[in-house]
Amino acid sequence: MARDWREYLRTQEIKTVAIDAIKPYPNNPRDNEKAVPAVAASIERFGFRNPILVDGDGVIIEGHTRRLAATRQTSRPTRWPPCA
């Protein structure tokens, strides 16, 4: 099964998407508000190293905290984060 996932991931496209086009999953069970400042600082220092995963409708599968952090960066908010 792991090989199937790796092959699937190799075929996925990573592209930049307008931050406003990415929608939070309404039933996201996590509250990571405390992690947002640290993630924002990491994005500012190192850039995006892990894309936000979205479905075909632009709803976040994984990356809610990264999305929040991208909008709250102090020096240059990310308006076009990488998504897969």
N, C-alpha and C. Protein backbone atom coordinates (compact mmCIF):
# COMPACT_ATOMS: atom_id res chain seq x y z
N MET A 1 0.81 -1.19 0.00
CA MET A 1 0.00 0.00 0.00
C MET A 1 0.86 1.27 0.00
N ALA A 2 1.98 1.26 0.72
CA ALA A 2 2.83 2.45 0.79
C ALA A 2 3.36 2.81 -0.61
N ARG A 3 3.68 1.84 -1.39
CA ARG A 3 4.17 2.12 -2.75
C ARG A 3 3.08 2.78 -3.59
N ASP A 4 1.84 2.37 -3.41
CA ASP A 4 0.74 3.00 -4.13
C ASP A 4 0.66 4.49 -3.79
N TRP A 5 0.80 4.84 -2.51
CA TRP A 5 0.75 6.23 -2.09
C TRP A 5 1.92 7.02 -2.65
N ARG A 6 3.09 6.44 -2.62
CA ARG A 6 4.26 7.14 -3.16
C ARG A 6 4.08 7.43 -4.65
N GLU A 7 3.59 6.44 -5.36
CA GLU A 7 3.36 6.64 -6.80
C GLU A 7 2.28 7.70 -7.02
N TYR A 8 1.25 7.67 -6.24
CA TYR A 8 0.19 8.67 -6.35
C TYR A 8 0.74 10.07 -6.11
N LEU A 9 1.56 10.22 -5.08
CA LEU A 9 2.12 11.53 -4.76
C LEU A 9 3.04 12.03 -5.86
N ARG A 10 3.75 11.13 -6.51
CA ARG A 10 4.63 11.54 -7.61
C ARG A 10 3.85 12.13 -8.78
N THR A 11 2.60 11.74 -8.92
CA THR A 11 1.79 12.21 -10.04
C THR A 11 1.05 13.50 -9.73
N GLN A 12 1.09 13.95 -8.49
CA GLN A 12 0.34 15.14 -8.11
C GLN A 12 1.07 16.41 -8.49
N GLU A 13 0.31 17.39 -8.89
CA GLU A 13 0.85 18.67 -9.30
C GLU A 13 0.92 19.61 -8.09
N ILE A 14 2.04 20.29 -7.95
CA ILE A 14 2.16 21.32 -6.92
C ILE A 14 2.14 22.66 -7.64
N LYS A 15 1.22 23.51 -7.24
CA LYS A 15 1.10 24.82 -7.87
C LYS A 15 0.77 25.87 -6.82
N THR A 16 1.02 27.11 -7.15
CA THR A 16 0.66 28.18 -6.23
C THR A 16 -0.80 28.55 -6.47
N VAL A 17 -1.48 28.86 -5.39
CA VAL A 17 -2.91 29.16 -5.44
C VAL A 17 -3.16 30.39 -4.58
N ALA A 18 -4.06 31.25 -5.01
CA ALA A 18 -4.41 32.42 -4.23
C ALA A 18 -4.94 31.98 -2.86
N ILE A 19 -4.45 32.62 -1.81
CA ILE A 19 -4.82 32.22 -0.44
C ILE A 19 -6.34 32.26 -0.24
N ASP A 20 -7.00 33.20 -0.91
CA ASP A 20 -8.46 33.31 -0.77
C ASP A 20 -9.21 32.16 -1.44
N ALA A 21 -8.53 31.44 -2.34
CA ALA A 21 -9.16 30.31 -3.03
C ALA A 21 -9.10 29.03 -2.20
N ILE A 22 -8.33 29.04 -1.11
CA ILE A 22 -8.18 27.86 -0.26
C ILE A 22 -9.18 27.98 0.89
N LYS A 23 -10.04 26.97 1.00
CA LYS A 23 -11.09 27.01 2.01
C LYS A 23 -10.80 26.01 3.14
N PRO A 24 -10.93 26.45 4.38
CA PRO A 24 -10.76 25.50 5.50
C PRO A 24 -11.84 24.42 5.47
N TYR A 25 -11.46 23.23 5.85
CA TYR A 25 -12.43 22.15 6.00
C TYR A 25 -13.30 22.48 7.21
N PRO A 26 -14.61 22.58 7.05
CA PRO A 26 -15.47 23.04 8.14
C PRO A 26 -15.47 22.12 9.37
N ASN A 27 -15.15 20.85 9.19
CA ASN A 27 -15.17 19.91 10.32
C ASN A 27 -13.77 19.60 10.83
N ASN A 28 -12.81 20.48 10.56
CA ASN A 28 -11.45 20.27 11.05
C ASN A 28 -11.49 20.20 12.59
N PRO A 29 -11.05 19.09 13.18
CA PRO A 29 -11.15 18.94 14.64
C PRO A 29 -10.03 19.63 15.42
N ARG A 30 -9.01 20.08 14.74
CA ARG A 30 -7.85 20.63 15.45
C ARG A 30 -7.97 22.13 15.69
N ASP A 31 -7.45 22.54 16.85
CA ASP A 31 -7.34 23.95 17.17
C ASP A 31 -5.86 24.22 17.41
N ASN A 32 -5.17 24.65 16.37
CA ASN A 32 -3.72 24.85 16.44
C ASN A 32 -3.35 26.32 16.52
N GLU A 33 -4.23 27.13 17.03
CA GLU A 33 -3.99 28.57 17.10
C GLU A 33 -2.67 28.90 17.79
N LYS A 34 -2.31 28.15 18.81
CA LYS A 34 -1.06 28.41 19.54
C LYS A 34 0.18 28.17 18.67
N ALA A 35 0.06 27.32 17.66
CA ALA A 35 1.20 26.98 16.81
C ALA A 35 1.40 27.98 15.67
N VAL A 36 0.43 28.81 15.40
CA VAL A 36 0.49 29.70 14.24
C VAL A 36 1.70 30.63 14.26
N PRO A 37 2.03 31.32 15.37
CA PRO A 37 3.21 32.20 15.35
C PRO A 37 4.51 31.47 15.01
N ALA A 38 4.69 30.29 15.54
CA ALA A 38 5.92 29.53 15.26
C ALA A 38 5.97 29.08 13.80
N VAL A 39 4.85 28.66 13.28
CA VAL A 39 4.81 28.23 11.88
C VAL A 39 5.02 29.44 10.96
N ALA A 40 4.44 30.57 11.30
CA ALA A 40 4.63 31.79 10.50
C ALA A 40 6.11 32.19 10.49
N ALA A 41 6.75 32.12 11.65
CA ALA A 41 8.19 32.45 11.72
C ALA A 41 9.01 31.49 10.87
N SER A 42 8.64 30.22 10.88
CA SER A 42 9.35 29.22 10.08
C SER A 42 9.18 29.50 8.59
N ILE A 43 7.96 29.84 8.18
CA ILE A 43 7.71 30.15 6.77
C ILE A 43 8.51 31.38 6.36
N GLU A 44 8.57 32.38 7.23
CA GLU A 44 9.34 33.58 6.92
C GLU A 44 10.83 33.27 6.78
N ARG A 45 11.31 32.41 7.64
CA ARG A 45 12.75 32.10 7.64
C ARG A 45 13.14 31.15 6.51
N PHE A 46 12.35 30.11 6.31
CA PHE A 46 12.74 29.05 5.39
C PHE A 46 11.87 28.97 4.13
N GLY A 47 10.75 29.67 4.11
CA GLY A 47 9.80 29.56 3.01
C GLY A 47 8.92 28.33 3.20
N PHE A 48 8.03 28.11 2.27
CA PHE A 48 7.16 26.93 2.33
C PHE A 48 7.97 25.71 1.95
N ARG A 49 8.03 24.73 2.80
CA ARG A 49 8.72 23.47 2.52
C ARG A 49 7.74 22.31 2.38
N ASN A 50 6.52 22.55 2.79
CA ASN A 50 5.50 21.52 2.79
C ASN A 50 4.22 22.15 2.24
N PRO A 51 3.74 21.74 1.08
CA PRO A 51 2.57 22.39 0.51
C PRO A 51 1.30 22.12 1.31
N ILE A 52 0.33 22.97 1.11
CA ILE A 52 -1.00 22.76 1.68
C ILE A 52 -1.72 21.79 0.75
N LEU A 53 -2.28 20.73 1.30
CA LEU A 53 -2.98 19.75 0.48
C LEU A 53 -4.45 20.15 0.39
N VAL A 54 -4.96 20.24 -0.83
CA VAL A 54 -6.36 20.61 -1.04
C VAL A 54 -7.02 19.61 -1.97
N ASP A 55 -8.34 19.53 -1.86
CA ASP A 55 -9.07 18.67 -2.78
C ASP A 55 -9.40 19.45 -4.05
N GLY A 56 -10.14 18.86 -4.95
CA GLY A 56 -10.47 19.50 -6.22
C GLY A 56 -11.28 20.77 -6.10
N ASP A 57 -11.93 20.95 -4.95
CA ASP A 57 -12.73 22.16 -4.72
C ASP A 57 -11.97 23.22 -3.94
N GLY A 58 -10.69 22.96 -3.65
CA GLY A 58 -9.89 23.93 -2.90
C GLY A 58 -10.08 23.87 -1.40
N VAL A 59 -10.70 22.80 -0.90
CA VAL A 59 -10.90 22.62 0.53
C VAL A 59 -9.67 21.93 1.11
N ILE A 60 -9.18 22.45 2.23
CA ILE A 60 -7.96 21.93 2.82
C ILE A 60 -8.15 20.51 3.34
N ILE A 61 -7.24 19.64 2.94
CA ILE A 61 -7.17 18.29 3.47
C ILE A 61 -6.16 18.28 4.62
N GLU A 62 -5.03 18.94 4.37
CA GLU A 62 -3.97 19.05 5.38
C GLU A 62 -3.27 20.39 5.19
N GLY A 63 -3.15 21.14 6.28
CA GLY A 63 -2.42 22.40 6.19
C GLY A 63 -3.17 23.61 6.71
N HIS A 64 -4.15 23.40 7.57
CA HIS A 64 -4.91 24.52 8.12
C HIS A 64 -4.00 25.51 8.85
N THR A 65 -3.06 24.99 9.63
CA THR A 65 -2.16 25.87 10.39
C THR A 65 -1.24 26.63 9.45
N ARG A 66 -0.76 25.96 8.41
CA ARG A 66 0.09 26.64 7.43
C ARG A 66 -0.66 27.76 6.72
N ARG A 67 -1.93 27.54 6.43
CA ARG A 67 -2.73 28.59 5.78
C ARG A 67 -2.86 29.79 6.70
N LEU A 68 -3.21 29.55 7.96
CA LEU A 68 -3.32 30.66 8.91
C LEU A 68 -1.99 31.38 9.07
N ALA A 69 -0.92 30.62 9.17
CA ALA A 69 0.40 31.22 9.35
C ALA A 69 0.80 32.05 8.13
N ALA A 70 0.45 31.58 6.95
CA ALA A 70 0.80 32.31 5.73
C ALA A 70 0.14 33.68 5.70
N THR A 71 -1.03 33.80 6.25
CA THR A 71 -1.73 35.08 6.24
C THR A 71 -1.29 35.99 7.38
N ARG A 72 -0.56 35.46 8.34
CA ARG A 72 -0.18 36.26 9.51
C ARG A 72 1.31 36.56 9.60
N GLN A 73 2.05 36.29 8.55
CA GLN A 73 3.47 36.63 8.55
C GLN A 73 3.61 38.14 8.68
N THR A 74 4.61 38.55 9.40
CA THR A 74 4.76 39.98 9.65
C THR A 74 5.43 40.73 8.51
N SER A 75 6.49 40.21 7.93
CA SER A 75 7.22 40.97 6.93
C SER A 75 6.60 40.89 5.54
N ARG A 76 6.14 39.71 5.16
CA ARG A 76 5.56 39.56 3.83
C ARG A 76 4.55 38.40 3.84
N PRO A 77 3.29 38.71 4.08
CA PRO A 77 2.28 37.63 4.08
C PRO A 77 2.28 36.89 2.76
N THR A 78 2.12 35.59 2.83
CA THR A 78 2.08 34.75 1.63
C THR A 78 0.67 34.78 1.07
N ARG A 79 0.54 35.27 -0.12
CA ARG A 79 -0.76 35.31 -0.78
C ARG A 79 -0.94 34.19 -1.78
N TRP A 80 0.16 33.52 -2.14
CA TRP A 80 0.11 32.44 -3.13
C TRP A 80 0.90 31.24 -2.61
N PRO A 81 0.38 30.52 -1.61
CA PRO A 81 1.13 29.37 -1.08
C PRO A 81 1.09 28.18 -2.04
N PRO A 82 2.10 27.31 -1.96
CA PRO A 82 2.09 26.12 -2.78
C PRO A 82 1.03 25.13 -2.28
N CYS A 83 0.32 24.55 -3.21
CA CYS A 83 -0.71 23.56 -2.87
C CYS A 83 -0.56 22.34 -3.76
N ALA A 84 -0.96 21.22 -3.21
CA ALA A 84 -0.94 19.97 -3.98
C ALA A 84 -2.31 19.34 -3.90
